[in-house]
Amino acid sequence: MRNKLIILTFALALSGVALAQGGSEELQDAKISIYPNPAVEFIVVQVDGDFDNAEFELNSMIGNKLQIKPEEVGIGKYKIQVKDLATGYYFLIVKDEAKRFKKAYKFLKR
């Protein structure tokens, strides 16, 4: 398991994606919060800051891209269903092409 995390972290670093370990991270007037962590049915992504068009990608620990449909539940607040996912760690990539922002956040699905 540790080797997979090292390999994925290295792959993300090579692709220009920063990896955040915590639930919140600040970068250039941007604050991203992902909760609850661990998640059972859904995660909420709070995007505060100067984002024009936030986009989301969900990847499994081994790098498989998964289909998601973020539901906007407020200004800068998105809900993503995870209840059908297998138990394990996942990476949510938050990006805004216009702002040249791309960062991966790890969460646990129980």
C-alpha atoms as a PDB file:
ATOM      1  CA  MET A   1       0.000   0.000   0.000  1.00  0.00           C
ATOM      2  CA  ARG A   2       2.815   2.412   0.880  1.00  0.00           C
ATOM      3  CA  ASN A   3       4.553   1.705  -2.437  1.00  0.00           C
ATOM      4  CA  LYS A   4       1.372   2.539  -4.365  1.00  0.00           C
ATOM      5  CA  LEU A   5       1.097   5.866  -2.519  1.00  0.00           C
ATOM      6  CA  ILE A   6       4.731   6.694  -3.284  1.00  0.00           C
ATOM      7  CA  ILE A   7       4.276   5.830  -6.956  1.00  0.00           C
ATOM      8  CA  LEU A   8       1.040   7.827  -7.245  1.00  0.00           C
ATOM      9  CA  THR A   9       2.535  10.827  -5.435  1.00  0.00           C
ATOM     10  CA  PHE A  10       5.510  10.726  -7.806  1.00  0.00           C
ATOM     11  CA  ALA A  11       3.202  10.447 -10.843  1.00  0.00           C
ATOM     12  CA  LEU A  12       1.101  13.381  -9.649  1.00  0.00           C
ATOM     13  CA  ALA A  13       4.235  15.463  -9.055  1.00  0.00           C
ATOM     14  CA  LEU A  14       5.474  14.735 -12.578  1.00  0.00           C
ATOM     15  CA  SER A  15       2.123  15.764 -14.043  1.00  0.00           C
ATOM     16  CA  GLY A  16       2.147  19.074 -12.177  1.00  0.00           C
ATOM     17  CA  VAL A  17      -0.530  18.228  -9.616  1.00  0.00           C
ATOM     18  CA  ALA A  18       0.190  19.219  -6.030  1.00  0.00           C
ATOM     19  CA  LEU A  19      -0.926  16.749  -3.357  1.00  0.00           C
ATOM     20  CA  ALA A  20      -2.564  18.090  -0.210  1.00  0.00           C
ATOM     21  CA  GLN A  21      -2.706  15.816   2.832  1.00  0.00           C
ATOM     22  CA  GLY A  22      -5.151  17.788   4.976  1.00  0.00           C
ATOM     23  CA  GLY A  23      -8.766  18.801   4.627  1.00  0.00           C
ATOM     24  CA  SER A  24      -7.910  22.435   3.813  1.00  0.00           C
ATOM     25  CA  GLU A  25      -5.126  23.999   1.828  1.00  0.00           C
ATOM     26  CA  GLU A  26      -4.446  27.597   0.814  1.00  0.00           C
ATOM     27  CA  LEU A  27      -2.812  28.711  -2.402  1.00  0.00           C
ATOM     28  CA  GLN A  28      -2.984  32.174  -3.998  1.00  0.00           C
ATOM     29  CA  ASP A  29      -6.210  33.466  -2.423  1.00  0.00           C
ATOM     30  CA  ALA A  30      -7.812  30.014  -2.738  1.00  0.00           C
ATOM     31  CA  LYS A  31      -9.026  27.758   0.032  1.00  0.00           C
ATOM     32  CA  ILE A  32     -10.378  24.291  -0.681  1.00  0.00           C
ATOM     33  CA  SER A  33     -12.099  22.258   2.051  1.00  0.00           C
ATOM     34  CA  ILE A  34     -13.245  18.658   1.647  1.00  0.00           C
ATOM     35  CA  TYR A  35     -15.424  17.095   4.331  1.00  0.00           C
ATOM     36  CA  PRO A  36     -16.416  14.772   5.899  1.00  0.00           C
ATOM     37  CA  ASN A  37     -13.213  12.801   5.839  1.00  0.00           C
ATOM     38  CA  PRO A  38     -13.662   9.824   6.107  1.00  0.00           C
ATOM     39  CA  ALA A  39     -16.798   9.875   3.949  1.00  0.00           C
ATOM     40  CA  VAL A  40     -19.607   7.328   3.733  1.00  0.00           C
ATOM     41  CA  GLU A  41     -22.268   8.657   1.359  1.00  0.00           C
ATOM     42  CA  PHE A  42     -20.919  11.935  -0.030  1.00  0.00           C
ATOM     43  CA  ILE A  43     -18.189  14.550   0.236  1.00  0.00           C
ATOM     44  CA  VAL A  44     -18.703  18.297   0.235  1.00  0.00           C
ATOM     45  CA  VAL A  45     -16.140  20.455  -1.529  1.00  0.00           C
ATOM     46  CA  GLN A  46     -16.045  24.101  -0.441  1.00  0.00           C
ATOM     47  CA  VAL A  47     -14.156  26.301  -2.914  1.00  0.00           C
ATOM     48  CA  ASP A  48     -13.405  29.755  -1.522  1.00  0.00           C
ATOM     49  CA  GLY A  49     -11.355  32.241  -3.445  1.00  0.00           C
ATOM     50  CA  ASP A  50     -11.003  33.610  -6.924  1.00  0.00           C
ATOM     51  CA  PHE A  51     -12.188  30.631  -9.014  1.00  0.00           C
ATOM     52  CA  ASP A  52     -14.043  31.234 -12.261  1.00  0.00           C
ATOM     53  CA  ASN A  53     -14.858  27.651 -13.166  1.00  0.00           C
ATOM     54  CA  ALA A  54     -13.860  24.918 -10.727  1.00  0.00           C
ATOM     55  CA  GLU A  55     -13.717  21.409 -12.207  1.00  0.00           C
ATOM     56  CA  PHE A  56     -13.333  18.084 -10.417  1.00  0.00           C
ATOM     57  CA  GLU A  57     -11.768  14.712 -11.264  1.00  0.00           C
ATOM     58  CA  LEU A  58     -11.873  11.649  -9.034  1.00  0.00           C
ATOM     59  CA  ASN A  59      -9.106   9.044  -9.152  1.00  0.00           C
ATOM     60  CA  SER A  60      -8.684   5.795  -7.267  1.00  0.00           C
ATOM     61  CA  MET A  61      -5.485   5.120  -5.341  1.00  0.00           C
ATOM     62  CA  ILE A  62      -4.060   3.225  -8.312  1.00  0.00           C
ATOM     63  CA  GLY A  63      -4.868   6.050 -10.722  1.00  0.00           C
ATOM     64  CA  ASN A  64      -8.126   4.915 -12.335  1.00  0.00           C
ATOM     65  CA  LYS A  65     -10.301   7.893 -13.294  1.00  0.00           C
ATOM     66  CA  LEU A  66     -13.863   7.581 -11.972  1.00  0.00           C
ATOM     67  CA  GLN A  67     -17.013   9.282 -13.238  1.00  0.00           C
ATOM     68  CA  ILE A  68     -18.584  11.825 -10.877  1.00  0.00           C
ATOM     69  CA  LYS A  69     -21.396  14.344 -11.110  1.00  0.00           C
ATOM     70  CA  PRO A  70     -20.754  17.261  -8.739  1.00  0.00           C
ATOM     71  CA  GLU A  71     -23.965  18.898  -7.561  1.00  0.00           C
ATOM     72  CA  GLU A  72     -23.706  22.602  -6.762  1.00  0.00           C
ATOM     73  CA  VAL A  73     -25.445  23.148  -3.416  1.00  0.00           C
ATOM     74  CA  GLY A  74     -24.406  26.753  -2.821  1.00  0.00           C
ATOM     75  CA  ILE A  75     -21.980  29.404  -3.961  1.00  0.00           C
ATOM     76  CA  GLY A  76     -18.663  27.602  -4.302  1.00  0.00           C
ATOM     77  CA  LYS A  77     -20.047  24.496  -2.545  1.00  0.00           C
ATOM     78  CA  TYR A  78     -20.346  21.135  -4.304  1.00  0.00           C
ATOM     79  CA  LYS A  79     -21.658  17.743  -3.181  1.00  0.00           C
ATOM     80  CA  ILE A  80     -20.217  14.570  -4.723  1.00  0.00           C
ATOM     81  CA  GLN A  81     -21.796  11.157  -4.124  1.00  0.00           C
ATOM     82  CA  VAL A  82     -19.325   8.442  -3.067  1.00  0.00           C
ATOM     83  CA  LYS A  83     -21.686   5.840  -1.569  1.00  0.00           C
ATOM     84  CA  ASP A  84     -21.239   3.436  -4.513  1.00  0.00           C
ATOM     85  CA  LEU A  85     -17.431   3.503  -4.339  1.00  0.00           C
ATOM     86  CA  ALA A  86     -15.432   0.715  -2.741  1.00  0.00           C
ATOM     87  CA  THR A  87     -13.833   1.373   0.640  1.00  0.00           C
ATOM     88  CA  GLY A  88     -10.411   2.955   0.266  1.00  0.00           C
ATOM     89  CA  TYR A  89      -8.463   6.111  -0.423  1.00  0.00           C
ATOM     90  CA  TYR A  90      -9.288   8.386  -3.360  1.00  0.00           C
ATOM     91  CA  PHE A  91      -7.843  11.553  -4.855  1.00  0.00           C
ATOM     92  CA  LEU A  92     -10.112  14.442  -5.778  1.00  0.00           C
ATOM     93  CA  ILE A  93      -8.398  16.780  -8.210  1.00  0.00           C
ATOM     94  CA  VAL A  94      -9.686  20.344  -8.107  1.00  0.00           C
ATOM     95  CA  LYS A  95      -8.709  22.483 -11.057  1.00  0.00           C
ATOM     96  CA  ASP A  96      -9.433  25.795 -12.731  1.00  0.00           C
ATOM     97  CA  GLU A  97      -7.790  26.094 -16.137  1.00  0.00           C
ATOM     98  CA  ALA A  98      -8.304  29.880 -16.326  1.00  0.00           C
ATOM     99  CA  LYS A  99      -6.417  30.395 -13.044  1.00  0.00           C
ATOM    100  CA  ARG A 100      -3.856  27.647 -13.803  1.00  0.00           C
ATOM    101  CA  PHE A 101      -4.768  25.907 -10.540  1.00  0.00           C
ATOM    102  CA  LYS A 102      -4.630  22.135 -10.128  1.00  0.00           C
ATOM    103  CA  LYS A 103      -4.318  20.284  -6.831  1.00  0.00           C
ATOM    104  CA  ALA A 104      -5.131  16.783  -5.573  1.00  0.00           C
ATOM    105  CA  TYR A 105      -6.767  16.125  -2.203  1.00  0.00           C
ATOM    106  CA  LYS A 106      -6.811  12.688  -0.566  1.00  0.00           C
ATOM    107  CA  PHE A 107      -9.866  11.372   1.294  1.00  0.00           C
ATOM    108  CA  LEU A 108     -10.986   8.048   2.720  1.00  0.00           C
ATOM    109  CA  LYS A 109     -14.237   6.384   1.679  1.00  0.00           C
ATOM    110  CA  ARG A 110     -15.582   4.000   4.324  1.00  0.00           C
END
